[in-house]
Amino acid sequence: MPIAKTNWVKKTLGLGLAFFFSALTIYTPFYSEPALAHAEHGDEGGIPAVSLKAKLPAGVSLQVVKSTAYQFAMSTDGQQKIEILGEDKRAFLRFDGNKLFADLNATGWHRSRQPGGGPVPDRLKTKPAPKPNWVLLDQQPGYGWYDPRLLNEEMAHFNLGLRVNGKPLNVRIERREPTPMTGYWRPNLRTENIPEGLNAMVPGLSGNMFMLSRLATAEGDFQVLDTKGQPFLELREDGVWLDSKHPWAKQTELFYTPVADSGWVKVSETGTITYAEPRLDAKPKKASQIGEWAVPVKLKGSDKTSLLEGELKWQRIEEPKP
């Protein structure tokens, strides 16, 4: 489902993969092993992307990203009025400052809800077309949506229609040949600093996923600390808890429902959690360099902190020999 940072959309469209504008991500933890690039649905003829020659106004970012399928992702500085036009040239999404609206009577809105084009209700197939029915989705300066043209492998290019502050703008979308994958950054964990009662590991060959387990022998609850020494995860006897009000909460890529009181929400019924650890993303500028990362943990109520340390190395992919 399209990316959205709004309870209304989550209830209406279901859970979707999140994009990274304005601190996102509410999807279930996931990692994949690196592999040589191969063609997937929508890739034949090249990967869809915004043309390098496209001229977007200052404060507006538009990209084609891949989740379950290719989709558009737009973010703004919250100072723009931008309308997204469907294939029928009718606006179906509107950014008005920090507010996001959708026209529920536009076929483009319904088409944007599934990768290949969602079904259009029969009531919208009549002529003349129903009048616009704009509803407020949320107060956010970014959103992601599907466009069936992104999966049309026979379409070498097309124009995405916009209206920016009342002026029409066509953004060229074209297919490019994928860049061959030559390697990946592989995080490694050094195990000598793991405290008793805690288990830690990097579950994937690449990416920033990190797994922690509170063992039955633990003498108390463990806290995972940020760079300022403040806890944002707690591995307790009754499960794992996340501080939903912490600035890193959304970066963990854990699903949760924010609460109004203390901010702590349960994200695992067991003592084990796999989450996206931002510090594992500290990649060196050059492949020849080795990155260092550290995740501080401690027993709740204790002054002693242990550093779960590791390295980030470039792993070159060797071409198979004939």
C-alpha atoms as a PDB file:
ATOM      1  CA  MET A   1       0.000   0.000   0.000  1.00  0.00           C
ATOM      2  CA  PRO A   2       1.153   3.556  -0.557  1.00  0.00           C
ATOM      3  CA  ILE A   3       3.316   5.216   2.034  1.00  0.00           C
ATOM      4  CA  ALA A   4       1.477   7.454   4.421  1.00  0.00           C
ATOM      5  CA  LYS A   5       2.142   8.970   7.805  1.00  0.00           C
ATOM      6  CA  THR A   6      -1.430   9.314   9.016  1.00  0.00           C
ATOM      7  CA  ASN A   7      -3.785   7.232  11.141  1.00  0.00           C
ATOM      8  CA  TRP A   8      -6.666   7.888   8.734  1.00  0.00           C
ATOM      9  CA  VAL A   9      -4.734   6.537   5.792  1.00  0.00           C
ATOM     10  CA  LYS A  10      -3.358   3.591   7.766  1.00  0.00           C
ATOM     11  CA  LYS A  11      -6.901   2.557   8.677  1.00  0.00           C
ATOM     12  CA  THR A  12      -8.153   3.111   5.145  1.00  0.00           C
ATOM     13  CA  LEU A  13      -5.330   1.688   3.086  1.00  0.00           C
ATOM     14  CA  GLY A  14      -3.687  -0.762   5.484  1.00  0.00           C
ATOM     15  CA  LEU A  15      -0.081  -0.881   6.607  1.00  0.00           C
ATOM     16  CA  GLY A  16       2.442   0.147   3.963  1.00  0.00           C
ATOM     17  CA  LEU A  17       6.144   0.477   3.617  1.00  0.00           C
ATOM     18  CA  ALA A  18       7.388   3.809   4.696  1.00  0.00           C
ATOM     19  CA  PHE A  19       9.586   6.373   3.014  1.00  0.00           C
ATOM     20  CA  PHE A  20      12.172   8.462   4.737  1.00  0.00           C
ATOM     21  CA  PHE A  21      10.921  11.995   4.372  1.00  0.00           C
ATOM     22  CA  SER A  22       9.960  13.698   7.650  1.00  0.00           C
ATOM     23  CA  ALA A  23      11.178  10.723   9.697  1.00  0.00           C
ATOM     24  CA  LEU A  24       9.018   7.802   8.680  1.00  0.00           C
ATOM     25  CA  THR A  25       8.817   4.071   8.782  1.00  0.00           C
ATOM     26  CA  ILE A  26       6.162   2.002  10.462  1.00  0.00           C
ATOM     27  CA  TYR A  27       6.630  -1.324   8.684  1.00  0.00           C
ATOM     28  CA  THR A  28       7.467  -4.737  10.071  1.00  0.00           C
ATOM     29  CA  PRO A  29      11.241  -5.304  10.387  1.00  0.00           C
ATOM     30  CA  PHE A  30      12.668  -6.826   7.228  1.00  0.00           C
ATOM     31  CA  TYR A  31      16.017  -7.530   5.744  1.00  0.00           C
ATOM     32  CA  SER A  32      17.231  -9.184   2.601  1.00  0.00           C
ATOM     33  CA  GLU A  33      20.477 -10.736   1.580  1.00  0.00           C
ATOM     34  CA  PRO A  34      22.361  -8.884  -1.135  1.00  0.00           C
ATOM     35  CA  ALA A  35      22.385 -10.426  -4.566  1.00  0.00           C
ATOM     36  CA  LEU A  36      23.392  -9.565  -8.064  1.00  0.00           C
ATOM     37  CA  ALA A  37      20.941  -7.232  -9.711  1.00  0.00           C
ATOM     38  CA  HIS A  38      18.166  -8.978 -11.600  1.00  0.00           C
ATOM     39  CA  ALA A  39      15.041  -7.883 -13.405  1.00  0.00           C
ATOM     40  CA  GLU A  40      11.843  -7.681 -11.372  1.00  0.00           C
ATOM     41  CA  HIS A  41       8.307  -6.787 -12.398  1.00  0.00           C
ATOM     42  CA  GLY A  42       8.429  -3.253 -13.741  1.00  0.00           C
ATOM     43  CA  ASP A  43      12.192  -3.369 -14.430  1.00  0.00           C
ATOM     44  CA  GLU A  44      12.205  -4.575 -18.018  1.00  0.00           C
ATOM     45  CA  GLY A  45      13.413  -1.771 -20.239  1.00  0.00           C
ATOM     46  CA  GLY A  46      15.071   0.013 -17.332  1.00  0.00           C
ATOM     47  CA  ILE A  47      14.256   1.326 -13.879  1.00  0.00           C
ATOM     48  CA  PRO A  48      11.716   4.188 -13.740  1.00  0.00           C
ATOM     49  CA  ALA A  49      13.156   7.424 -12.364  1.00  0.00           C
ATOM     50  CA  VAL A  50      12.612  11.168 -12.418  1.00  0.00           C
ATOM     51  CA  SER A  51      14.505  12.675 -15.341  1.00  0.00           C
ATOM     52  CA  LEU A  52      17.778  14.336 -14.429  1.00  0.00           C
ATOM     53  CA  LYS A  53      16.614  17.299 -16.489  1.00  0.00           C
ATOM     54  CA  ALA A  54      13.415  17.759 -14.465  1.00  0.00           C
ATOM     55  CA  LYS A  55      13.193  21.210 -12.878  1.00  0.00           C
ATOM     56  CA  LEU A  56      11.290  21.096  -9.613  1.00  0.00           C
ATOM     57  CA  PRO A  57      10.708  24.227  -7.545  1.00  0.00           C
ATOM     58  CA  ALA A  58      12.902  24.877  -4.523  1.00  0.00           C
ATOM     59  CA  GLY A  59      11.709  23.016  -1.467  1.00  0.00           C
ATOM     60  CA  VAL A  60      10.123  20.146  -3.403  1.00  0.00           C
ATOM     61  CA  SER A  61      11.595  16.654  -3.755  1.00  0.00           C
ATOM     62  CA  LEU A  62      10.148  13.940  -5.998  1.00  0.00           C
ATOM     63  CA  GLN A  63      11.563  10.434  -6.328  1.00  0.00           C
ATOM     64  CA  VAL A  64      10.609   7.000  -7.588  1.00  0.00           C
ATOM     65  CA  VAL A  65      11.204   4.483  -4.811  1.00  0.00           C
ATOM     66  CA  LYS A  66      10.784   0.719  -4.551  1.00  0.00           C
ATOM     67  CA  SER A  67       8.787  -0.940  -1.782  1.00  0.00           C
ATOM     68  CA  THR A  68       6.399  -3.718  -2.771  1.00  0.00           C
ATOM     69  CA  ALA A  69       6.449  -2.022  -6.184  1.00  0.00           C
ATOM     70  CA  TYR A  70       7.654   1.216  -7.730  1.00  0.00           C
ATOM     71  CA  GLN A  71       5.888   4.297  -6.431  1.00  0.00           C
ATOM     72  CA  PHE A  72       6.277   8.054  -6.240  1.00  0.00           C
ATOM     73  CA  ALA A  73       7.411   9.762  -3.049  1.00  0.00           C
ATOM     74  CA  MET A  74       7.174  13.527  -2.663  1.00  0.00           C
ATOM     75  CA  SER A  75       8.249  15.786   0.181  1.00  0.00           C
ATOM     76  CA  THR A  76       7.973  19.558   0.455  1.00  0.00           C
ATOM     77  CA  ASP A  77       9.175  22.293   2.766  1.00  0.00           C
ATOM     78  CA  GLY A  78       5.594  22.907   3.882  1.00  0.00           C
ATOM     79  CA  GLN A  79       5.447  26.232   2.032  1.00  0.00           C
ATOM     80  CA  GLN A  80       3.975  25.027  -1.257  1.00  0.00           C
ATOM     81  CA  LYS A  81       0.569  24.339  -2.769  1.00  0.00           C
ATOM     82  CA  ILE A  82       1.009  21.346  -5.055  1.00  0.00           C
ATOM     83  CA  GLU A  83      -1.593  19.215  -6.789  1.00  0.00           C
ATOM     84  CA  ILE A  84      -0.879  15.771  -8.243  1.00  0.00           C
ATOM     85  CA  LEU A  85      -2.777  15.009 -11.438  1.00  0.00           C
ATOM     86  CA  GLY A  86      -3.938  11.568 -12.482  1.00  0.00           C
ATOM     87  CA  GLU A  87      -3.813  10.050 -15.936  1.00  0.00           C
ATOM     88  CA  ASP A  88      -7.114  11.841 -16.636  1.00  0.00           C
ATOM     89  CA  LYS A  89      -5.473  15.215 -15.779  1.00  0.00           C
ATOM     90  CA  ARG A  90      -7.693  15.621 -12.702  1.00  0.00           C
ATOM     91  CA  ALA A  91      -6.045  16.454  -9.384  1.00  0.00           C
ATOM     92  CA  PHE A  92      -6.384  13.749  -6.736  1.00  0.00           C
ATOM     93  CA  LEU A  93      -3.773  14.788  -4.150  1.00  0.00           C
ATOM     94  CA  ARG A  94      -3.064  18.245  -2.808  1.00  0.00           C
ATOM     95  CA  PHE A  95      -0.294  19.551  -0.575  1.00  0.00           C
ATOM     96  CA  ASP A  96      -1.362  22.865   0.916  1.00  0.00           C
ATOM     97  CA  GLY A  97       1.394  23.976   3.249  1.00  0.00           C
ATOM     98  CA  ASN A  98       1.679  21.256   5.870  1.00  0.00           C
ATOM     99  CA  LYS A  99      -1.755  19.824   5.098  1.00  0.00           C
ATOM    100  CA  LEU A 100      -2.386  16.872   2.808  1.00  0.00           C
ATOM    101  CA  PHE A 101      -5.747  16.425   1.055  1.00  0.00           C
ATOM    102  CA  ALA A 102      -7.225  13.745  -1.232  1.00  0.00           C
ATOM    103  CA  ASP A 103     -10.145  13.999  -3.641  1.00  0.00           C
ATOM    104  CA  LEU A 104     -12.152  10.844  -2.936  1.00  0.00           C
ATOM    105  CA  ASN A 105     -14.176  11.407  -6.104  1.00  0.00           C
ATOM    106  CA  ALA A 106     -11.106  11.394  -8.362  1.00  0.00           C
ATOM    107  CA  THR A 107     -10.302   8.176 -10.202  1.00  0.00           C
ATOM    108  CA  GLY A 108      -6.604   8.964  -9.724  1.00  0.00           C
ATOM    109  CA  TRP A 109      -6.976   8.594  -5.951  1.00  0.00           C
ATOM    110  CA  HIS A 110      -8.379   5.068  -6.278  1.00  0.00           C
ATOM    111  CA  ARG A 111      -5.881   4.139  -8.991  1.00  0.00           C
ATOM    112  CA  SER A 112      -3.027   5.260  -6.715  1.00  0.00           C
ATOM    113  CA  ARG A 113      -3.886   2.786  -3.953  1.00  0.00           C
ATOM    114  CA  GLN A 114      -2.511  -0.357  -5.623  1.00  0.00           C
ATOM    115  CA  PRO A 115       0.672  -0.909  -7.675  1.00  0.00           C
ATOM    116  CA  GLY A 116      -1.056  -1.828 -10.932  1.00  0.00           C
ATOM    117  CA  GLY A 117      -3.895   0.618 -10.447  1.00  0.00           C
ATOM    118  CA  GLY A 118      -6.604   0.152  -7.826  1.00  0.00           C
ATOM    119  CA  PRO A 119     -10.238  -0.453  -8.812  1.00  0.00           C
ATOM    120  CA  VAL A 120     -12.387   2.563  -9.553  1.00  0.00           C
ATOM    121  CA  PRO A 121     -15.861   2.576  -7.899  1.00  0.00           C
ATOM    122  CA  ASP A 122     -18.792   2.381 -10.309  1.00  0.00           C
ATOM    123  CA  ARG A 123     -20.181   5.660  -8.972  1.00  0.00           C
ATOM    124  CA  LEU A 124     -17.162   7.456 -10.456  1.00  0.00           C
ATOM    125  CA  LYS A 125     -17.639   6.016 -13.934  1.00  0.00           C
ATOM    126  CA  THR A 126     -20.706   8.134 -14.686  1.00  0.00           C
ATOM    127  CA  LYS A 127     -20.679  11.267 -16.829  1.00  0.00           C
ATOM    128  CA  PRO A 128     -20.371  14.018 -15.972  1.00  0.00           C
ATOM    129  CA  ALA A 129     -17.771  13.133 -13.344  1.00  0.00           C
ATOM    130  CA  PRO A 130     -18.763  13.758  -9.711  1.00  0.00           C
ATOM    131  CA  LYS A 131     -17.706  17.030  -8.144  1.00  0.00           C
ATOM    132  CA  PRO A 132     -14.495  16.999  -6.077  1.00  0.00           C
ATOM    133  CA  ASN A 133     -14.738  15.680  -2.539  1.00  0.00           C
ATOM    134  CA  TRP A 134     -11.547  16.873  -0.849  1.00  0.00           C
ATOM    135  CA  VAL A 135     -10.829  15.451   2.597  1.00  0.00           C
ATOM    136  CA  LEU A 136      -7.958  16.169   4.952  1.00  0.00           C
ATOM    137  CA  LEU A 137      -5.669  13.155   5.315  1.00  0.00           C
ATOM    138  CA  ASP A 138      -3.155  14.588   7.750  1.00  0.00           C
ATOM    139  CA  GLN A 139      -0.840  17.456   8.506  1.00  0.00           C
ATOM    140  CA  GLN A 140       2.387  16.359   6.852  1.00  0.00           C
ATOM    141  CA  PRO A 141       4.562  17.714   4.048  1.00  0.00           C
ATOM    142  CA  GLY A 142       5.150  14.387   2.282  1.00  0.00           C
ATOM    143  CA  TYR A 143       3.382  11.364   0.858  1.00  0.00           C
ATOM    144  CA  GLY A 144       3.892   8.355  -1.405  1.00  0.00           C
ATOM    145  CA  TRP A 145       1.534   6.862  -3.967  1.00  0.00           C
ATOM    146  CA  TYR A 146       1.424   4.239  -6.671  1.00  0.00           C
ATOM    147  CA  ASP A 147       1.135   5.013 -10.371  1.00  0.00           C
ATOM    148  CA  PRO A 148       0.334   2.129 -12.753  1.00  0.00           C
ATOM    149  CA  ARG A 149       2.499   3.726 -15.439  1.00  0.00           C
ATOM    150  CA  LEU A 150       5.572   2.948 -13.346  1.00  0.00           C
ATOM    151  CA  LEU A 151       4.932  -0.762 -13.932  1.00  0.00           C
ATOM    152  CA  ASN A 152       4.192  -0.445 -17.644  1.00  0.00           C
ATOM    153  CA  GLU A 153       7.446  -1.828 -19.024  1.00  0.00           C
ATOM    154  CA  GLU A 154       6.494  -0.855 -22.585  1.00  0.00           C
ATOM    155  CA  MET A 155       6.259   2.817 -21.624  1.00  0.00           C
ATOM    156  CA  ALA A 156       9.762   4.247 -22.025  1.00  0.00           C
ATOM    157  CA  HIS A 157       8.732   7.600 -20.567  1.00  0.00           C
ATOM    158  CA  PHE A 158       5.715   9.636 -19.524  1.00  0.00           C
ATOM    159  CA  ASN A 159       4.905  12.946 -17.870  1.00  0.00           C
ATOM    160  CA  LEU A 160       3.628  13.242 -14.320  1.00  0.00           C
ATOM    161  CA  GLY A 161       1.313  16.219 -14.245  1.00  0.00           C
ATOM    162  CA  LEU A 162       1.524  18.689 -11.356  1.00  0.00           C
ATOM    163  CA  ARG A 163       0.148  22.093 -10.490  1.00  0.00           C
ATOM    164  CA  VAL A 164       2.648  24.014  -8.399  1.00  0.00           C
ATOM    165  CA  ASN A 165       1.266  27.162  -6.766  1.00  0.00           C
ATOM    166  CA  GLY A 166      -1.346  27.307  -9.519  1.00  0.00           C
ATOM    167  CA  LYS A 167       1.065  26.799 -12.436  1.00  0.00           C
ATOM    168  CA  PRO A 168       1.085  23.575 -14.507  1.00  0.00           C
ATOM    169  CA  LEU A 169       4.272  21.512 -14.499  1.00  0.00           C
ATOM    170  CA  ASN A 170       5.035  18.265 -16.310  1.00  0.00           C
ATOM    171  CA  VAL A 171       7.760  16.124 -14.778  1.00  0.00           C
ATOM    172  CA  ARG A 172       9.326  13.655 -17.176  1.00  0.00           C
ATOM    173  CA  ILE A 173       9.613  10.096 -15.876  1.00  0.00           C
ATOM    174  CA  GLU A 174      11.923   7.831 -17.854  1.00  0.00           C
ATOM    175  CA  ARG A 175      13.498   4.398 -17.628  1.00  0.00           C
ATOM    176  CA  ARG A 176      17.224   4.015 -17.018  1.00  0.00           C
ATOM    177  CA  GLU A 177      19.482   1.031 -17.192  1.00  0.00           C
ATOM    178  CA  PRO A 178      20.188  -0.278 -13.678  1.00  0.00           C
ATOM    179  CA  THR A 179      23.664   0.193 -12.256  1.00  0.00           C
ATOM    180  CA  PRO A 180      25.325  -3.191 -11.658  1.00  0.00           C
ATOM    181  CA  MET A 181      25.739  -4.022  -7.983  1.00  0.00           C
ATOM    182  CA  THR A 182      29.443  -4.378  -7.213  1.00  0.00           C
ATOM    183  CA  GLY A 183      29.267  -4.875  -3.454  1.00  0.00           C
ATOM    184  CA  TYR A 184      27.599  -3.943  -0.197  1.00  0.00           C
ATOM    185  CA  TRP A 185      28.411  -2.648   3.263  1.00  0.00           C
ATOM    186  CA  ARG A 186      28.486  -5.513   5.742  1.00  0.00           C
ATOM    187  CA  PRO A 187      28.152  -4.771   9.479  1.00  0.00           C
ATOM    188  CA  ASN A 188      30.022  -7.084  11.856  1.00  0.00           C
ATOM    189  CA  LEU A 189      29.519  -7.289  15.614  1.00  0.00           C
ATOM    190  CA  ARG A 190      32.381  -7.806  18.054  1.00  0.00           C
ATOM    191  CA  THR A 191      31.043 -10.029  20.810  1.00  0.00           C
ATOM    192  CA  GLU A 192      33.442  -9.367  23.675  1.00  0.00           C
ATOM    193  CA  ASN A 193      31.433  -6.496  25.182  1.00  0.00           C
ATOM    194  CA  ILE A 194      28.002  -8.141  25.358  1.00  0.00           C
ATOM    195  CA  PRO A 195      26.872  -8.114  29.011  1.00  0.00           C
ATOM    196  CA  GLU A 196      25.594 -11.215  30.776  1.00  0.00           C
ATOM    197  CA  GLY A 197      21.892 -11.835  30.251  1.00  0.00           C
ATOM    198  CA  LEU A 198      21.839 -10.191  26.810  1.00  0.00           C
ATOM    199  CA  ASN A 199      22.356 -11.596  23.336  1.00  0.00           C
ATOM    200  CA  ALA A 200      23.058  -9.449  20.271  1.00  0.00           C
ATOM    201  CA  MET A 201      23.596 -10.135  16.584  1.00  0.00           C
ATOM    202  CA  VAL A 202      23.389  -8.601  13.129  1.00  0.00           C
ATOM    203  CA  PRO A 203      20.834 -10.857  11.387  1.00  0.00           C
ATOM    204  CA  GLY A 204      21.482  -9.822   7.783  1.00  0.00           C
ATOM    205  CA  LEU A 205      24.489  -9.623   5.499  1.00  0.00           C
ATOM    206  CA  SER A 206      23.777  -5.970   4.830  1.00  0.00           C
ATOM    207  CA  GLY A 207      21.540  -3.187   6.062  1.00  0.00           C
ATOM    208  CA  ASN A 208      21.081  -1.746   9.524  1.00  0.00           C
ATOM    209  CA  MET A 209      18.904  -4.377  11.204  1.00  0.00           C
ATOM    210  CA  PHE A 210      20.018  -5.279  14.716  1.00  0.00           C
ATOM    211  CA  MET A 211      18.665  -8.026  16.972  1.00  0.00           C
ATOM    212  CA  LEU A 212      18.713  -8.019  20.765  1.00  0.00           C
ATOM    213  CA  SER A 213      17.449 -10.694  23.157  1.00  0.00           C
ATOM    214  CA  ARG A 214      16.982 -10.503  26.907  1.00  0.00           C
ATOM    215  CA  LEU A 215      17.852 -13.912  28.295  1.00  0.00           C
ATOM    216  CA  ALA A 216      16.090 -15.637  31.177  1.00  0.00           C
ATOM    217  CA  THR A 217      19.298 -15.284  33.211  1.00  0.00           C
ATOM    218  CA  ALA A 218      19.189 -11.472  33.047  1.00  0.00           C
ATOM    219  CA  GLU A 219      19.336  -9.754  36.427  1.00  0.00           C
ATOM    220  CA  GLY A 220      17.082  -6.912  35.304  1.00  0.00           C
ATOM    221  CA  ASP A 221      15.740  -4.926  32.371  1.00  0.00           C
ATOM    222  CA  PHE A 222      18.121  -3.734  29.641  1.00  0.00           C
ATOM    223  CA  GLN A 223      18.004  -0.271  28.097  1.00  0.00           C
ATOM    224  CA  VAL A 224      19.292   0.686  24.651  1.00  0.00           C
ATOM    225  CA  LEU A 225      20.664   4.244  24.739  1.00  0.00           C
ATOM    226  CA  ASP A 226      20.942   6.932  22.078  1.00  0.00           C
ATOM    227  CA  THR A 227      24.016   9.086  21.476  1.00  0.00           C
ATOM    228  CA  LYS A 228      23.019  11.324  24.407  1.00  0.00           C
ATOM    229  CA  GLY A 229      22.683   8.439  26.836  1.00  0.00           C
ATOM    230  CA  GLN A 230      18.880   8.476  26.811  1.00  0.00           C
ATOM    231  CA  PRO A 231      16.978   5.170  26.528  1.00  0.00           C
ATOM    232  CA  PHE A 232      14.679   4.574  23.568  1.00  0.00           C
ATOM    233  CA  LEU A 233      14.262   0.778  23.859  1.00  0.00           C
ATOM    234  CA  GLU A 234      13.810  -1.339  26.973  1.00  0.00           C
ATOM    235  CA  LEU A 235      14.025  -5.130  27.054  1.00  0.00           C
ATOM    236  CA  ARG A 236      11.871  -5.994  30.031  1.00  0.00           C
ATOM    237  CA  GLU A 237      10.740  -9.262  31.561  1.00  0.00           C
ATOM    238  CA  ASP A 238       7.286  -8.843  29.977  1.00  0.00           C
ATOM    239  CA  GLY A 239       8.536  -7.893  26.492  1.00  0.00           C
ATOM    240  CA  VAL A 240      10.263  -5.089  24.605  1.00  0.00           C
ATOM    241  CA  TRP A 241       9.103  -1.482  24.957  1.00  0.00           C
ATOM    242  CA  LEU A 242       9.768   1.544  22.749  1.00  0.00           C
ATOM    243  CA  ASP A 243       9.642   5.204  23.728  1.00  0.00           C
ATOM    244  CA  SER A 244       7.284   6.379  20.981  1.00  0.00           C
ATOM    245  CA  LYS A 245       8.087  10.019  21.760  1.00  0.00           C
ATOM    246  CA  HIS A 246      11.813   9.574  21.220  1.00  0.00           C
ATOM    247  CA  PRO A 247      13.196  11.210  18.019  1.00  0.00           C
ATOM    248  CA  TRP A 248      14.524   7.815  16.895  1.00  0.00           C
ATOM    249  CA  ALA A 249      11.232   5.956  17.358  1.00  0.00           C
ATOM    250  CA  LYS A 250      10.222   6.007  13.702  1.00  0.00           C
ATOM    251  CA  GLN A 251      13.753   5.215  12.533  1.00  0.00           C
ATOM    252  CA  THR A 252      13.556   1.850  14.323  1.00  0.00           C
ATOM    253  CA  GLU A 253      11.024   0.675  11.686  1.00  0.00           C
ATOM    254  CA  LEU A 254       8.881  -0.896  14.397  1.00  0.00           C
ATOM    255  CA  PHE A 255       5.097  -0.862  14.199  1.00  0.00           C
ATOM    256  CA  TYR A 256       3.421   0.809  17.154  1.00  0.00           C
ATOM    257  CA  THR A 257       0.470   2.961  18.095  1.00  0.00           C
ATOM    258  CA  PRO A 258       1.547   6.178  19.851  1.00  0.00           C
ATOM    259  CA  VAL A 259       0.113   6.770  23.309  1.00  0.00           C
ATOM    260  CA  ALA A 260      -0.673  10.019  25.056  1.00  0.00           C
ATOM    261  CA  ASP A 261       0.811   9.366  28.478  1.00  0.00           C
ATOM    262  CA  SER A 262       4.395   8.246  29.100  1.00  0.00           C
ATOM    263  CA  GLY A 263       5.130   7.394  25.469  1.00  0.00           C
ATOM    264  CA  TRP A 264       6.364   3.856  26.175  1.00  0.00           C
ATOM    265  CA  VAL A 265       4.610   1.231  24.023  1.00  0.00           C
ATOM    266  CA  LYS A 266       5.116  -2.517  23.799  1.00  0.00           C
ATOM    267  CA  VAL A 267       6.567  -3.622  20.452  1.00  0.00           C
ATOM    268  CA  SER A 268       7.313  -7.275  21.278  1.00  0.00           C
ATOM    269  CA  GLU A 269       5.640  -9.768  23.588  1.00  0.00           C
ATOM    270  CA  THR A 270       8.936 -11.644  23.970  1.00  0.00           C
ATOM    271  CA  GLY A 271      12.335 -10.487  25.121  1.00  0.00           C
ATOM    272  CA  THR A 272      13.635 -10.383  21.547  1.00  0.00           C
ATOM    273  CA  ILE A 273      13.472  -7.486  19.091  1.00  0.00           C
ATOM    274  CA  THR A 274      14.845  -6.860  15.604  1.00  0.00           C
ATOM    275  CA  TYR A 275      14.908  -3.188  14.712  1.00  0.00           C
ATOM    276  CA  ALA A 276      16.640  -0.725  12.394  1.00  0.00           C
ATOM    277  CA  GLU A 277      19.618   0.677  14.302  1.00  0.00           C
ATOM    278  CA  PRO A 278      20.557   4.130  12.892  1.00  0.00           C
ATOM    279  CA  ARG A 279      24.189   3.828  13.984  1.00  0.00           C
ATOM    280  CA  LEU A 280      24.746   0.858  11.662  1.00  0.00           C
ATOM    281  CA  ASP A 281      24.230   3.273   8.763  1.00  0.00           C
ATOM    282  CA  ALA A 282      27.444   5.229   9.427  1.00  0.00           C
ATOM    283  CA  LYS A 283      29.128   4.221   6.185  1.00  0.00           C
ATOM    284  CA  PRO A 284      32.638   5.472   5.340  1.00  0.00           C
ATOM    285  CA  LYS A 285      33.104   7.676   2.289  1.00  0.00           C
ATOM    286  CA  LYS A 286      35.377   5.169   0.569  1.00  0.00           C
ATOM    287  CA  ALA A 287      35.033   1.416   0.100  1.00  0.00           C
ATOM    288  CA  SER A 288      38.645   1.002   1.203  1.00  0.00           C
ATOM    289  CA  GLN A 289      37.828   2.408   4.647  1.00  0.00           C
ATOM    290  CA  ILE A 290      36.374   0.567   7.634  1.00  0.00           C
ATOM    291  CA  GLY A 291      33.551   2.134   9.577  1.00  0.00           C
ATOM    292  CA  GLU A 292      33.090   1.864  13.335  1.00  0.00           C
ATOM    293  CA  TRP A 293      29.785   1.757  15.203  1.00  0.00           C
ATOM    294  CA  ALA A 294      28.699   1.302  18.820  1.00  0.00           C
ATOM    295  CA  VAL A 295      25.359   0.730  20.528  1.00  0.00           C
ATOM    296  CA  PRO A 296      25.394   1.506  24.280  1.00  0.00           C
ATOM    297  CA  VAL A 297      23.247  -0.677  26.543  1.00  0.00           C
ATOM    298  CA  LYS A 298      22.897  -0.937  30.310  1.00  0.00           C
ATOM    299  CA  LEU A 299      20.816  -2.522  33.034  1.00  0.00           C
ATOM    300  CA  LYS A 300      18.021  -0.186  34.068  1.00  0.00           C
ATOM    301  CA  GLY A 301      19.011   1.655  37.216  1.00  0.00           C
ATOM    302  CA  SER A 302      22.706   0.902  36.768  1.00  0.00           C
ATOM    303  CA  ASP A 303      25.453   3.424  36.023  1.00  0.00           C
ATOM    304  CA  LYS A 304      27.542   0.891  34.102  1.00  0.00           C
ATOM    305  CA  THR A 305      27.206   1.082  30.318  1.00  0.00           C
ATOM    306  CA  SER A 306      28.373  -1.578  27.884  1.00  0.00           C
ATOM    307  CA  LEU A 307      29.198  -0.743  24.279  1.00  0.00           C
ATOM    308  CA  LEU A 308      28.088  -3.246  21.645  1.00  0.00           C
ATOM    309  CA  GLU A 309      30.738  -2.388  19.074  1.00  0.00           C
ATOM    310  CA  GLY A 310      31.274  -3.423  15.508  1.00  0.00           C
ATOM    311  CA  GLU A 311      32.727  -2.618  12.111  1.00  0.00           C
ATOM    312  CA  LEU A 312      31.297  -1.764   8.746  1.00  0.00           C
ATOM    313  CA  LYS A 313      33.274  -3.201   5.835  1.00  0.00           C
ATOM    314  CA  TRP A 314      32.766  -3.096   2.090  1.00  0.00           C
ATOM    315  CA  GLN A 315      32.103  -6.606   0.766  1.00  0.00           C
ATOM    316  CA  ARG A 316      32.880  -6.862  -2.909  1.00  0.00           C
ATOM    317  CA  ILE A 317      30.695  -9.134  -5.027  1.00  0.00           C
ATOM    318  CA  GLU A 318      32.857 -11.376  -7.154  1.00  0.00           C
ATOM    319  CA  GLU A 319      31.624 -12.212 -10.638  1.00  0.00           C
ATOM    320  CA  PRO A 320      31.066 -15.955 -11.028  1.00  0.00           C
ATOM    321  CA  LYS A 321      33.782 -17.534 -13.085  1.00  0.00           C
ATOM    322  CA  PRO A 322      32.716 -19.273 -16.295  1.00  0.00           C
END
